[in-house]
PDB file of all heavy atoms in Angstrom:
ATOM      1  N   THR A   1       0.816  -1.217   0.000  1.00  0.00           N
ATOM      2  CA  THR A   1       0.000   0.000   0.000  1.00  0.00           C
ATOM      3  C   THR A   1       0.852   1.270   0.000  1.00  0.00           C
ATOM      4  O   THR A   1       0.361   2.350  -0.335  1.00  0.00           O
ATOM      5  CB  THR A   1      -0.938   0.003   1.213  1.00  0.00           C
ATOM      6  OG1 THR A   1      -0.185  -0.322   2.396  1.00  0.00           O
ATOM      7  CG2 THR A   1      -2.053  -1.030   1.048  1.00  0.00           C
ATOM      8  N   ASP A   2       2.146   1.141   0.379  1.00  0.00           N
ATOM      9  CA  ASP A   2       3.042   2.309   0.351  1.00  0.00           C
ATOM     10  C   ASP A   2       3.432   2.692  -1.074  1.00  0.00           C
ATOM     11  O   ASP A   2       3.916   3.802  -1.303  1.00  0.00           O
ATOM     12  CB  ASP A   2       4.320   2.021   1.151  1.00  0.00           C
ATOM     13  CG  ASP A   2       4.059   1.783   2.627  1.00  0.00           C
ATOM     14  OD1 ASP A   2       3.047   2.306   3.128  1.00  0.00           O
ATOM     15  OD2 ASP A   2       4.859   1.075   3.269  1.00  0.00           O
ATOM     16  N   HIS A   3       3.258   1.785  -2.010  1.00  0.00           N
ATOM     17  CA  HIS A   3       3.741   1.997  -3.375  1.00  0.00           C
ATOM     18  C   HIS A   3       2.602   1.986  -4.393  1.00  0.00           C
ATOM     19  O   HIS A   3       2.819   1.761  -5.578  1.00  0.00           O
ATOM     20  CB  HIS A   3       4.783   0.938  -3.715  1.00  0.00           C
ATOM     21  CG  HIS A   3       5.950   0.937  -2.774  1.00  0.00           C
ATOM     22  ND1 HIS A   3       7.017   1.797  -2.906  1.00  0.00           N
ATOM     23  CD2 HIS A   3       6.193   0.201  -1.657  1.00  0.00           C
ATOM     24  CE1 HIS A   3       7.880   1.579  -1.919  1.00  0.00           C
ATOM     25  NE2 HIS A   3       7.401   0.611  -1.157  1.00  0.00           N
ATOM     26  N   MET A   4       1.409   2.240  -3.904  1.00  0.00           N
ATOM     27  CA  MET A   4       0.233   2.294  -4.773  1.00  0.00           C
ATOM     28  C   MET A   4       0.200   3.583  -5.584  1.00  0.00           C
ATOM     29  O   MET A   4       0.616   4.639  -5.092  1.00  0.00           O
ATOM     30  CB  MET A   4      -1.035   2.242  -3.914  1.00  0.00           C
ATOM     31  CG  MET A   4      -1.350   0.874  -3.358  1.00  0.00           C
ATOM     32  SD  MET A   4      -2.098  -0.129  -4.619  1.00  0.00           S
ATOM     33  CE  MET A   4      -3.565   0.838  -4.976  1.00  0.00           C
ATOM     34  N   PRO A   5      -0.299   3.521  -6.798  1.00  0.00           N
ATOM     35  CA  PRO A   5      -0.578   4.778  -7.515  1.00  0.00           C
ATOM     36  C   PRO A   5      -1.776   5.465  -6.869  1.00  0.00           C
ATOM     37  O   PRO A   5      -2.568   4.820  -6.169  1.00  0.00           O
ATOM     38  CB  PRO A   5      -0.919   4.301  -8.925  1.00  0.00           C
ATOM     39  CG  PRO A   5      -1.489   2.926  -8.728  1.00  0.00           C
ATOM     40  CD  PRO A   5      -0.706   2.338  -7.579  1.00  0.00           C
ATOM     41  N   GLU A   6      -1.899   6.753  -7.067  1.00  0.00           N
ATOM     42  CA  GLU A   6      -3.066   7.473  -6.546  1.00  0.00           C
ATOM     43  C   GLU A   6      -4.306   7.024  -7.304  1.00  0.00           C
ATOM     44  O   GLU A   6      -4.348   7.072  -8.533  1.00  0.00           O
ATOM     45  CB  GLU A   6      -2.866   8.975  -6.688  1.00  0.00           C
ATOM     46  CG  GLU A   6      -3.993   9.784  -6.062  1.00  0.00           C
ATOM     47  CD  GLU A   6      -3.714  11.271  -6.087  1.00  0.00           C
ATOM     48  OE1 GLU A   6      -2.591  11.655  -6.459  1.00  0.00           O
ATOM     49  OE2 GLU A   6      -4.638  12.054  -5.755  1.00  0.00           O
ATOM     50  N   LEU A   7      -5.294   6.582  -6.558  1.00  0.00           N
ATOM     51  CA  LEU A   7      -6.499   6.031  -7.180  1.00  0.00           C
ATOM     52  C   LEU A   7      -7.483   7.143  -7.529  1.00  0.00           C
ATOM     53  O   LEU A   7      -7.532   8.184  -6.875  1.00  0.00           O
ATOM     54  CB  LEU A   7      -7.171   5.027  -6.242  1.00  0.00           C
ATOM     55  CG  LEU A   7      -6.369   3.778  -5.879  1.00  0.00           C
ATOM     56  CD1 LEU A   7      -7.143   2.906  -4.883  1.00  0.00           C
ATOM     57  CD2 LEU A   7      -6.016   2.971  -7.127  1.00  0.00           C
ATOM     58  N   THR A   8      -8.291   6.877  -8.569  1.00  0.00           N
ATOM     59  CA  THR A   8      -9.373   7.777  -8.949  1.00  0.00           C
ATOM     60  C   THR A   8     -10.649   6.952  -9.097  1.00  0.00           C
ATOM     61  O   THR A   8     -10.619   5.718  -9.084  1.00  0.00           O
ATOM     62  CB  THR A   8      -9.084   8.497 -10.282  1.00  0.00           C
ATOM     63  OG1 THR A   8      -9.224   7.555 -11.360  1.00  0.00           O
ATOM     64  CG2 THR A   8      -7.676   9.080 -10.291  1.00  0.00           C
ATOM     65  N   SER A   9     -11.749   7.628  -9.279  1.00  0.00           N
ATOM     66  CA  SER A   9     -13.032   6.942  -9.422  1.00  0.00           C
ATOM     67  C   SER A   9     -13.136   6.155 -10.723  1.00  0.00           C
ATOM     68  O   SER A   9     -14.047   5.343 -10.880  1.00  0.00           O
ATOM     69  CB  SER A   9     -14.185   7.954  -9.334  1.00  0.00           C
ATOM     70  OG  SER A   9     -14.052   8.945 -10.341  1.00  0.00           O
ATOM     71  N   ASP A  10     -12.209   6.381 -11.649  1.00  0.00           N
ATOM     72  CA  ASP A  10     -12.219   5.646 -12.914  1.00  0.00           C
ATOM     73  C   ASP A  10     -11.503   4.301 -12.810  1.00  0.00           C
ATOM     74  O   ASP A  10     -11.544   3.501 -13.741  1.00  0.00           O
ATOM     75  CB  ASP A  10     -11.563   6.472 -14.029  1.00  0.00           C
ATOM     76  CG  ASP A  10     -12.368   7.715 -14.377  1.00  0.00           C
ATOM     77  OD1 ASP A  10     -13.609   7.664 -14.245  1.00  0.00           O
ATOM     78  OD2 ASP A  10     -11.757   8.725 -14.764  1.00  0.00           O
ATOM     79  N   ASP A  11     -10.823   4.056 -11.699  1.00  0.00           N
ATOM     80  CA  ASP A  11     -10.055   2.822 -11.525  1.00  0.00           C
ATOM     81  C   ASP A  11     -10.940   1.674 -11.073  1.00  0.00           C
ATOM     82  O   ASP A  11     -11.990   1.881 -10.441  1.00  0.00           O
ATOM     83  CB  ASP A  11      -8.943   3.019 -10.489  1.00  0.00           C
ATOM     84  CG  ASP A  11      -7.871   3.986 -10.945  1.00  0.00           C
ATOM     85  OD1 ASP A  11      -7.616   4.050 -12.163  1.00  0.00           O
ATOM     86  OD2 ASP A  11      -7.300   4.684 -10.086  1.00  0.00           O
ATOM     87  N   ILE A  12     -10.496   0.458 -11.375  1.00  0.00           N
ATOM     88  CA  ILE A  12     -11.070  -0.744 -10.784  1.00  0.00           C
ATOM     89  C   ILE A  12      -9.917  -1.498 -10.133  1.00  0.00           C
ATOM     90  O   ILE A  12      -8.842  -1.644 -10.728  1.00  0.00           O
ATOM     91  CB  ILE A  12     -11.811  -1.607 -11.819  1.00  0.00           C
ATOM     92  CG1 ILE A  12     -12.527  -2.765 -11.138  1.00  0.00           C
ATOM     93  CG2 ILE A  12     -10.880  -2.108 -12.917  1.00  0.00           C
ATOM     94  CD1 ILE A  12     -13.502  -3.505 -12.051  1.00  0.00           C
ATOM     95  N   VAL A  13     -10.114  -1.937  -8.886  1.00  0.00           N
ATOM     96  CA  VAL A  13      -9.038  -2.506  -8.081  1.00  0.00           C
ATOM     97  C   VAL A  13      -9.372  -3.952  -7.718  1.00  0.00           C
ATOM     98  O   VAL A  13     -10.498  -4.252  -7.311  1.00  0.00           O
ATOM     99  CB  VAL A  13      -8.817  -1.686  -6.789  1.00  0.00           C
ATOM    100  CG1 VAL A  13      -7.667  -2.256  -5.971  1.00  0.00           C
ATOM    101  CG2 VAL A  13      -8.564  -0.216  -7.124  1.00  0.00           C
ATOM    102  N   TYR A  14      -8.371  -4.827  -7.860  1.00  0.00           N
ATOM    103  CA  TYR A  14      -8.472  -6.204  -7.400  1.00  0.00           C
ATOM    104  C   TYR A  14      -7.296  -6.460  -6.464  1.00  0.00           C
ATOM    105  O   TYR A  14      -6.162  -6.048  -6.749  1.00  0.00           O
ATOM    106  CB  TYR A  14      -8.399  -7.192  -8.564  1.00  0.00           C
ATOM    107  CG  TYR A  14      -9.467  -7.026  -9.616  1.00  0.00           C
ATOM    108  CD1 TYR A  14      -9.265  -6.175 -10.705  1.00  0.00           C
ATOM    109  CD2 TYR A  14     -10.666  -7.727  -9.548  1.00  0.00           C
ATOM    110  CE1 TYR A  14     -10.237  -6.029 -11.688  1.00  0.00           C
ATOM    111  CE2 TYR A  14     -11.643  -7.583 -10.520  1.00  0.00           C
ATOM    112  CZ  TYR A  14     -11.428  -6.729 -11.587  1.00  0.00           C
ATOM    113  OH  TYR A  14     -12.391  -6.581 -12.547  1.00  0.00           O
ATOM    114  N   THR A  15      -7.551  -7.143  -5.359  1.00  0.00           N
ATOM    115  CA  THR A  15      -6.465  -7.389  -4.422  1.00  0.00           C
ATOM    116  C   THR A  15      -6.648  -8.726  -3.707  1.00  0.00           C
ATOM    117  O   THR A  15      -7.780  -9.161  -3.466  1.00  0.00           O
ATOM    118  CB  THR A  15      -6.353  -6.247  -3.384  1.00  0.00           C
ATOM    119  OG1 THR A  15      -5.292  -6.529  -2.474  1.00  0.00           O
ATOM    120  CG2 THR A  15      -7.640  -6.071  -2.599  1.00  0.00           C
ATOM    121  N   ALA A  16      -5.522  -9.378  -3.390  1.00  0.00           N
ATOM    122  CA  ALA A  16      -5.539 -10.648  -2.659  1.00  0.00           C
ATOM    123  C   ALA A  16      -4.246 -10.766  -1.875  1.00  0.00           C
ATOM    124  O   ALA A  16      -3.181 -10.347  -2.346  1.00  0.00           O
ATOM    125  CB  ALA A  16      -5.687 -11.827  -3.621  1.00  0.00           C
ATOM    126  N   GLY A  17      -4.363 -11.328  -0.678  1.00  0.00           N
ATOM    127  CA  GLY A  17      -3.173 -11.500   0.159  1.00  0.00           C
ATOM    128  C   GLY A  17      -3.509 -11.337   1.625  1.00  0.00           C
ATOM    129  O   GLY A  17      -4.583 -11.744   2.078  1.00  0.00           O
ATOM    130  N   ALA A  18      -2.603 -10.727   2.363  1.00  0.00           N
ATOM    131  CA  ALA A  18      -2.779 -10.556   3.805  1.00  0.00           C
ATOM    132  C   ALA A  18      -4.053  -9.770   4.092  1.00  0.00           C
ATOM    133  O   ALA A  18      -4.292  -8.728   3.467  1.00  0.00           O
ATOM    134  CB  ALA A  18      -1.574  -9.839   4.393  1.00  0.00           C
ATOM    135  N   PRO A  19      -4.897 -10.250   5.026  1.00  0.00           N
ATOM    136  CA  PRO A  19      -6.169  -9.567   5.308  1.00  0.00           C
ATOM    137  C   PRO A  19      -6.014  -8.093   5.657  1.00  0.00           C
ATOM    138  O   PRO A  19      -6.824  -7.269   5.228  1.00  0.00           O
ATOM    139  CB  PRO A  19      -6.743 -10.368   6.481  1.00  0.00           C
ATOM    140  CG  PRO A  19      -6.157 -11.738   6.323  1.00  0.00           C
ATOM    141  CD  PRO A  19      -4.776 -11.515   5.777  1.00  0.00           C
ATOM    142  N   ALA A  20      -4.971  -7.749   6.438  1.00  0.00           N
ATOM    143  CA  ALA A  20      -4.787  -6.339   6.803  1.00  0.00           C
ATOM    144  C   ALA A  20      -4.532  -5.487   5.568  1.00  0.00           C
ATOM    145  O   ALA A  20      -5.013  -4.350   5.464  1.00  0.00           O
ATOM    146  CB  ALA A  20      -3.634  -6.211   7.791  1.00  0.00           C
ATOM    147  N   MET A  21      -3.784  -6.036   4.619  1.00  0.00           N
ATOM    148  CA  MET A  21      -3.478  -5.304   3.391  1.00  0.00           C
ATOM    149  C   MET A  21      -4.721  -5.119   2.532  1.00  0.00           C
ATOM    150  O   MET A  21      -5.004  -4.022   2.054  1.00  0.00           O
ATOM    151  CB  MET A  21      -2.388  -6.038   2.607  1.00  0.00           C
ATOM    152  CG  MET A  21      -1.921  -5.324   1.343  1.00  0.00           C
ATOM    153  SD  MET A  21      -2.866  -5.747  -0.158  1.00  0.00           S
ATOM    154  CE  MET A  21      -2.374  -7.446  -0.421  1.00  0.00           C
ATOM    155  N   THR A  22      -5.491  -6.193   2.341  1.00  0.00           N
ATOM    156  CA  THR A  22      -6.673  -6.090   1.482  1.00  0.00           C
ATOM    157  C   THR A  22      -7.716  -5.163   2.098  1.00  0.00           C
ATOM    158  O   THR A  22      -8.388  -4.423   1.383  1.00  0.00           O
ATOM    159  CB  THR A  22      -7.285  -7.470   1.223  1.00  0.00           C
ATOM    160  OG1 THR A  22      -7.647  -8.092   2.472  1.00  0.00           O
ATOM    161  CG2 THR A  22      -6.289  -8.376   0.506  1.00  0.00           C
ATOM    162  N   LYS A  23      -7.832  -5.196   3.409  1.00  0.00           N
ATOM    163  CA  LYS A  23      -8.799  -4.306   4.071  1.00  0.00           C
ATOM    164  C   LYS A  23      -8.381  -2.847   3.925  1.00  0.00           C
ATOM    165  O   LYS A  23      -9.212  -1.972   3.645  1.00  0.00           O
ATOM    166  CB  LYS A  23      -8.934  -4.672   5.547  1.00  0.00           C
ATOM    167  CG  LYS A  23     -10.000  -3.878   6.273  1.00  0.00           C
ATOM    168  CD  LYS A  23     -10.199  -4.359   7.706  1.00  0.00           C
ATOM    169  CE  LYS A  23     -11.315  -3.585   8.399  1.00  0.00           C
ATOM    170  NZ  LYS A  23     -11.523  -4.052   9.800  1.00  0.00           N
ATOM    171  N   ALA A  24      -7.089  -2.574   4.108  1.00  0.00           N
ATOM    172  CA  ALA A  24      -6.599  -1.195   3.980  1.00  0.00           C
ATOM    173  C   ALA A  24      -6.789  -0.692   2.558  1.00  0.00           C
ATOM    174  O   ALA A  24      -7.192   0.459   2.339  1.00  0.00           O
ATOM    175  CB  ALA A  24      -5.129  -1.127   4.374  1.00  0.00           C
ATOM    176  N   LEU A  25      -6.539  -1.556   1.595  1.00  0.00           N
ATOM    177  CA  LEU A  25      -6.687  -1.148   0.199  1.00  0.00           C
ATOM    178  C   LEU A  25      -8.151  -0.909  -0.163  1.00  0.00           C
ATOM    179  O   LEU A  25      -8.472   0.028  -0.899  1.00  0.00           O
ATOM    180  CB  LEU A  25      -6.084  -2.214  -0.707  1.00  0.00           C
ATOM    181  CG  LEU A  25      -6.023  -1.881  -2.194  1.00  0.00           C
ATOM    182  CD1 LEU A  25      -5.318  -0.552  -2.425  1.00  0.00           C
ATOM    183  CD2 LEU A  25      -5.326  -2.986  -2.962  1.00  0.00           C
ATOM    184  N   ALA A  26      -9.042  -1.754   0.373  1.00  0.00           N
ATOM    185  CA  ALA A  26     -10.469  -1.557   0.121  1.00  0.00           C
ATOM    186  C   ALA A  26     -10.930  -0.205   0.659  1.00  0.00           C
ATOM    187  O   ALA A  26     -11.735   0.486   0.028  1.00  0.00           O
ATOM    188  CB  ALA A  26     -11.269  -2.691   0.754  1.00  0.00           C
ATOM    189  N   THR A  27     -10.406   0.182   1.815  1.00  0.00           N
ATOM    190  CA  THR A  27     -10.755   1.479   2.398  1.00  0.00           C
ATOM    191  C   THR A  27     -10.235   2.621   1.529  1.00  0.00           C
ATOM    192  O   THR A  27     -10.947   3.596   1.255  1.00  0.00           O
ATOM    193  CB  THR A  27     -10.174   1.601   3.815  1.00  0.00           C
ATOM    194  OG1 THR A  27     -10.710   0.566   4.645  1.00  0.00           O
ATOM    195  CG2 THR A  27     -10.501   2.953   4.427  1.00  0.00           C
ATOM    196  N   THR A  28      -8.988   2.489   1.063  1.00  0.00           N
ATOM    197  CA  THR A  28      -8.402   3.515   0.199  1.00  0.00           C
ATOM    198  C   THR A  28      -9.199   3.666  -1.095  1.00  0.00           C
ATOM    199  O   THR A  28      -9.460   4.781  -1.559  1.00  0.00           O
ATOM    200  CB  THR A  28      -6.944   3.154  -0.129  1.00  0.00           C
ATOM    201  OG1 THR A  28      -6.202   3.052   1.081  1.00  0.00           O
ATOM    202  CG2 THR A  28      -6.311   4.207  -1.026  1.00  0.00           C
ATOM    203  N   ALA A  29      -9.593   2.531  -1.668  1.00  0.00           N
ATOM    204  CA  ALA A  29     -10.370   2.565  -2.912  1.00  0.00           C
ATOM    205  C   ALA A  29     -11.723   3.225  -2.686  1.00  0.00           C
ATOM    206  O   ALA A  29     -12.190   4.017  -3.517  1.00  0.00           O
ATOM    207  CB  ALA A  29     -10.539   1.150  -3.454  1.00  0.00           C
TER     208      ALA A  29
END
């Protein structure tokens, strides 16, 4: 999550892995 591009509403995100990481990314999205 430290190296993510800045997300916009036009993006679609898929993620899998450590639960803490996927939860944090879902919140960011």
